[in-house]
Amino acid sequence: MSMYKFAAVGEEEAVFGFRALGVDVFIVKHEDDAASVLQEARKGGYAVIFVTEQVAKAVPDVIEGFQDAPLPAVLIIPGVGGSLGLASQRMKRIVEKAVGADILFQERG
C-alpha cells in the first residue's frame, strides 16, 4: 500500500509548521528561487503541493504548468502576509472551465 506524500512551498514562516504534520517543506528565500524550488518539489513524487500565494504570484507560468497533469495537485494557500486572493481566483477559473459558468463566485443582488 503506497501512501501519498505532501509538500509545502513558500516562505519559511508560512510553511514551517507543516513539518509537524509530516509534510515535506521547501523554503523559498527569494522570489528569484521560486521556479527552481517548485521544480525541485515537482520531482519529489508528491500528490499535493501547497504553495503560498506570494510564491504563486512570483511564478504564475510555473503554477499553470502543473494543471496539465493529474498529480501533483497544487493548492494555493495564504502566506504570512495574508491572502492576496489568488487562491479564490484560481478556484473560480477551474470551476468555470469544468462547469462552463461561474457558479461559486456569482454576485447576489
C-alpha atoms as a PDB file:
ATOM      1  CA  MET A   1       0.000   0.000   0.000  1.00  0.00           C
ATOM      2  CA  SER A   2       1.544   3.291  -1.074  1.00  0.00           C
ATOM      3  CA  MET A   3       0.984   6.496   0.833  1.00  0.00           C
ATOM      4  CA  TYR A   4       0.719   9.814  -0.899  1.00  0.00           C
ATOM      5  CA  LYS A   5       3.288  12.433   0.031  1.00  0.00           C
ATOM      6  CA  PHE A   6       2.611  16.120   0.605  1.00  0.00           C
ATOM      7  CA  ALA A   7       4.864  19.151   0.219  1.00  0.00           C
ATOM      8  CA  ALA A   8       4.609  22.821   1.127  1.00  0.00           C
ATOM      9  CA  VAL A   9       6.490  25.508  -0.801  1.00  0.00           C
ATOM     10  CA  GLY A  10       6.838  29.067   0.413  1.00  0.00           C
ATOM     11  CA  GLU A  11       8.319  31.485   2.885  1.00  0.00           C
ATOM     12  CA  GLU A  12       9.763  29.781   5.953  1.00  0.00           C
ATOM     13  CA  GLU A  13       7.335  31.470   8.357  1.00  0.00           C
ATOM     14  CA  ALA A  14       4.359  30.332   6.287  1.00  0.00           C
ATOM     15  CA  VAL A  15       5.263  26.689   5.679  1.00  0.00           C
ATOM     16  CA  PHE A  16       7.479  25.645   8.589  1.00  0.00           C
ATOM     17  CA  GLY A  17       4.513  24.473  10.678  1.00  0.00           C
ATOM     18  CA  PHE A  18       3.593  21.919   8.018  1.00  0.00           C
ATOM     19  CA  ARG A  19       6.552  19.809   9.157  1.00  0.00           C
ATOM     20  CA  ALA A  20       4.640  18.908  12.318  1.00  0.00           C
ATOM     21  CA  LEU A  21       2.043  17.276  10.054  1.00  0.00           C
ATOM     22  CA  GLY A  22       4.609  15.175   8.194  1.00  0.00           C
ATOM     23  CA  VAL A  23       4.645  17.458   5.152  1.00  0.00           C
ATOM     24  CA  ASP A  24       7.963  17.996   3.368  1.00  0.00           C
ATOM     25  CA  VAL A  25       8.836  21.694   3.365  1.00  0.00           C
ATOM     26  CA  PHE A  26      10.607  23.603   0.597  1.00  0.00           C
ATOM     27  CA  ILE A  27      11.686  27.096   1.622  1.00  0.00           C
ATOM     28  CA  VAL A  28      11.709  29.943  -0.910  1.00  0.00           C
ATOM     29  CA  LYS A  29      14.075  32.626   0.389  1.00  0.00           C
ATOM     30  CA  HIS A  30      13.944  34.905  -2.675  1.00  0.00           C
ATOM     31  CA  GLU A  31      11.329  35.261  -5.417  1.00  0.00           C
ATOM     32  CA  ASP A  32      14.063  34.501  -7.955  1.00  0.00           C
ATOM     33  CA  ASP A  33      14.349  31.000  -6.467  1.00  0.00           C
ATOM     34  CA  ALA A  34      10.618  30.213  -6.630  1.00  0.00           C
ATOM     35  CA  ALA A  35      10.636  28.469 -10.027  1.00  0.00           C
ATOM     36  CA  SER A  36      13.591  26.215  -9.239  1.00  0.00           C
ATOM     37  CA  VAL A  37      12.237  25.301  -5.787  1.00  0.00           C
ATOM     38  CA  LEU A  38       8.845  24.397  -7.296  1.00  0.00           C
ATOM     39  CA  GLN A  39      10.506  22.281  -9.982  1.00  0.00           C
ATOM     40  CA  GLU A  40      12.522  20.511  -7.289  1.00  0.00           C
ATOM     41  CA  ALA A  41       9.313  19.764  -5.388  1.00  0.00           C
ATOM     42  CA  ARG A  42       7.646  18.555  -8.588  1.00  0.00           C
ATOM     43  CA  LYS A  43      10.301  15.861  -8.976  1.00  0.00           C
ATOM     44  CA  GLY A  44       9.612  14.507  -5.473  1.00  0.00           C
ATOM     45  CA  GLY A  45       6.580  12.402  -6.385  1.00  0.00           C
ATOM     46  CA  TYR A  46       4.124  14.396  -4.275  1.00  0.00           C
ATOM     47  CA  ALA A  47       0.366  14.037  -4.609  1.00  0.00           C
ATOM     48  CA  VAL A  48      -0.297  17.524  -3.250  1.00  0.00           C
ATOM     49  CA  ILE A  49       1.917  20.587  -3.146  1.00  0.00           C
ATOM     50  CA  PHE A  50       0.759  23.532  -1.044  1.00  0.00           C
ATOM     51  CA  VAL A  51       2.141  26.795  -2.446  1.00  0.00           C
ATOM     52  CA  THR A  52       1.898  30.171  -0.743  1.00  0.00           C
ATOM     53  CA  GLU A  53       0.242  32.955  -2.691  1.00  0.00           C
ATOM     54  CA  GLN A  54       3.449  35.003  -2.653  1.00  0.00           C
ATOM     55  CA  VAL A  55       5.314  32.191  -4.426  1.00  0.00           C
ATOM     56  CA  ALA A  56       2.434  31.576  -6.839  1.00  0.00           C
ATOM     57  CA  LYS A  57       2.353  35.284  -7.687  1.00  0.00           C
ATOM     58  CA  ALA A  58       6.085  35.226  -8.492  1.00  0.00           C
ATOM     59  CA  VAL A  59       5.816  32.307 -10.965  1.00  0.00           C
ATOM     60  CA  PRO A  60       2.282  32.082 -12.406  1.00  0.00           C
ATOM     61  CA  ASP A  61       3.532  30.294 -15.540  1.00  0.00           C
ATOM     62  CA  VAL A  62       5.082  27.507 -13.455  1.00  0.00           C
ATOM     63  CA  ILE A  63       1.871  27.138 -11.427  1.00  0.00           C
ATOM     64  CA  GLU A  64      -0.211  26.915 -14.616  1.00  0.00           C
ATOM     65  CA  GLY A  65       2.151  24.216 -15.907  1.00  0.00           C
ATOM     66  CA  PHE A  66       1.048  21.933 -13.089  1.00  0.00           C
ATOM     67  CA  GLN A  67      -2.590  21.855 -14.169  1.00  0.00           C
ATOM     68  CA  ASP A  68      -1.989  19.607 -17.182  1.00  0.00           C
ATOM     69  CA  ALA A  69      -1.099  16.575 -15.055  1.00  0.00           C
ATOM     70  CA  PRO A  70      -3.347  14.803 -12.561  1.00  0.00           C
ATOM     71  CA  LEU A  71      -0.596  14.816  -9.931  1.00  0.00           C
ATOM     72  CA  PRO A  72       0.635  16.715  -8.150  1.00  0.00           C
ATOM     73  CA  ALA A  73      -2.342  18.842  -7.280  1.00  0.00           C
ATOM     74  CA  VAL A  74      -1.208  22.373  -6.463  1.00  0.00           C
ATOM     75  CA  LEU A  75      -3.180  24.152  -3.767  1.00  0.00           C
ATOM     76  CA  ILE A  76      -2.520  27.833  -3.247  1.00  0.00           C
ATOM     77  CA  ILE A  77      -2.630  28.952   0.373  1.00  0.00           C
ATOM     78  CA  PRO A  78      -2.265  32.367   2.037  1.00  0.00           C
ATOM     79  CA  GLY A  79       1.193  33.283   3.225  1.00  0.00           C
ATOM     80  CA  VAL A  80       2.310  35.189   6.284  1.00  0.00           C
ATOM     81  CA  GLY A  81       1.131  38.475   4.789  1.00  0.00           C
ATOM     82  CA  GLY A  82      -2.460  37.255   4.499  1.00  0.00           C
ATOM     83  CA  SER A  83      -4.481  36.401   1.428  1.00  0.00           C
ATOM     84  CA  LEU A  84      -3.832  38.041  -1.922  1.00  0.00           C
ATOM     85  CA  GLY A  85      -6.975  36.492  -3.439  1.00  0.00           C
ATOM     86  CA  LEU A  86      -5.023  34.226  -5.816  1.00  0.00           C
ATOM     87  CA  ALA A  87      -6.476  31.017  -4.398  1.00  0.00           C
ATOM     88  CA  SER A  88     -10.067  32.118  -4.961  1.00  0.00           C
ATOM     89  CA  GLN A  89      -9.249  33.432  -8.460  1.00  0.00           C
ATOM     90  CA  ARG A  90      -7.686  30.080  -9.362  1.00  0.00           C
ATOM     91  CA  MET A  91     -10.680  28.159  -7.984  1.00  0.00           C
ATOM     92  CA  LYS A  92     -13.029  30.359  -9.996  1.00  0.00           C
ATOM     93  CA  ARG A  93     -11.117  29.602 -13.238  1.00  0.00           C
ATOM     94  CA  ILE A  94     -11.081  25.860 -12.511  1.00  0.00           C
ATOM     95  CA  VAL A  95     -14.826  25.756 -11.810  1.00  0.00           C
ATOM     96  CA  GLU A  96     -15.638  27.870 -14.861  1.00  0.00           C
ATOM     97  CA  LYS A  97     -13.565  25.525 -17.025  1.00  0.00           C
ATOM     98  CA  ALA A  98     -15.215  22.407 -15.574  1.00  0.00           C
ATOM     99  CA  VAL A  99     -18.807  23.640 -15.432  1.00  0.00           C
ATOM    100  CA  GLY A 100     -18.825  26.331 -18.076  1.00  0.00           C
ATOM    101  CA  ALA A 101     -20.120  29.036 -15.736  1.00  0.00           C
ATOM    102  CA  ASP A 102     -19.206  30.916 -12.588  1.00  0.00           C
ATOM    103  CA  ILE A 103     -21.312  29.064 -10.012  1.00  0.00           C
ATOM    104  CA  LEU A 104     -19.194  29.782  -6.937  1.00  0.00           C
ATOM    105  CA  PHE A 105     -18.462  33.482  -7.028  1.00  0.00           C
ATOM    106  CA  GLN A 106     -21.564  34.988  -8.600  1.00  0.00           C
ATOM    107  CA  GLU A 107     -22.687  38.317  -7.204  1.00  0.00           C
ATOM    108  CA  ARG A 108     -26.010  38.073  -5.440  1.00  0.00           C
ATOM    109  CA  GLY A 109     -28.291  41.050  -5.845  1.00  0.00           C
END
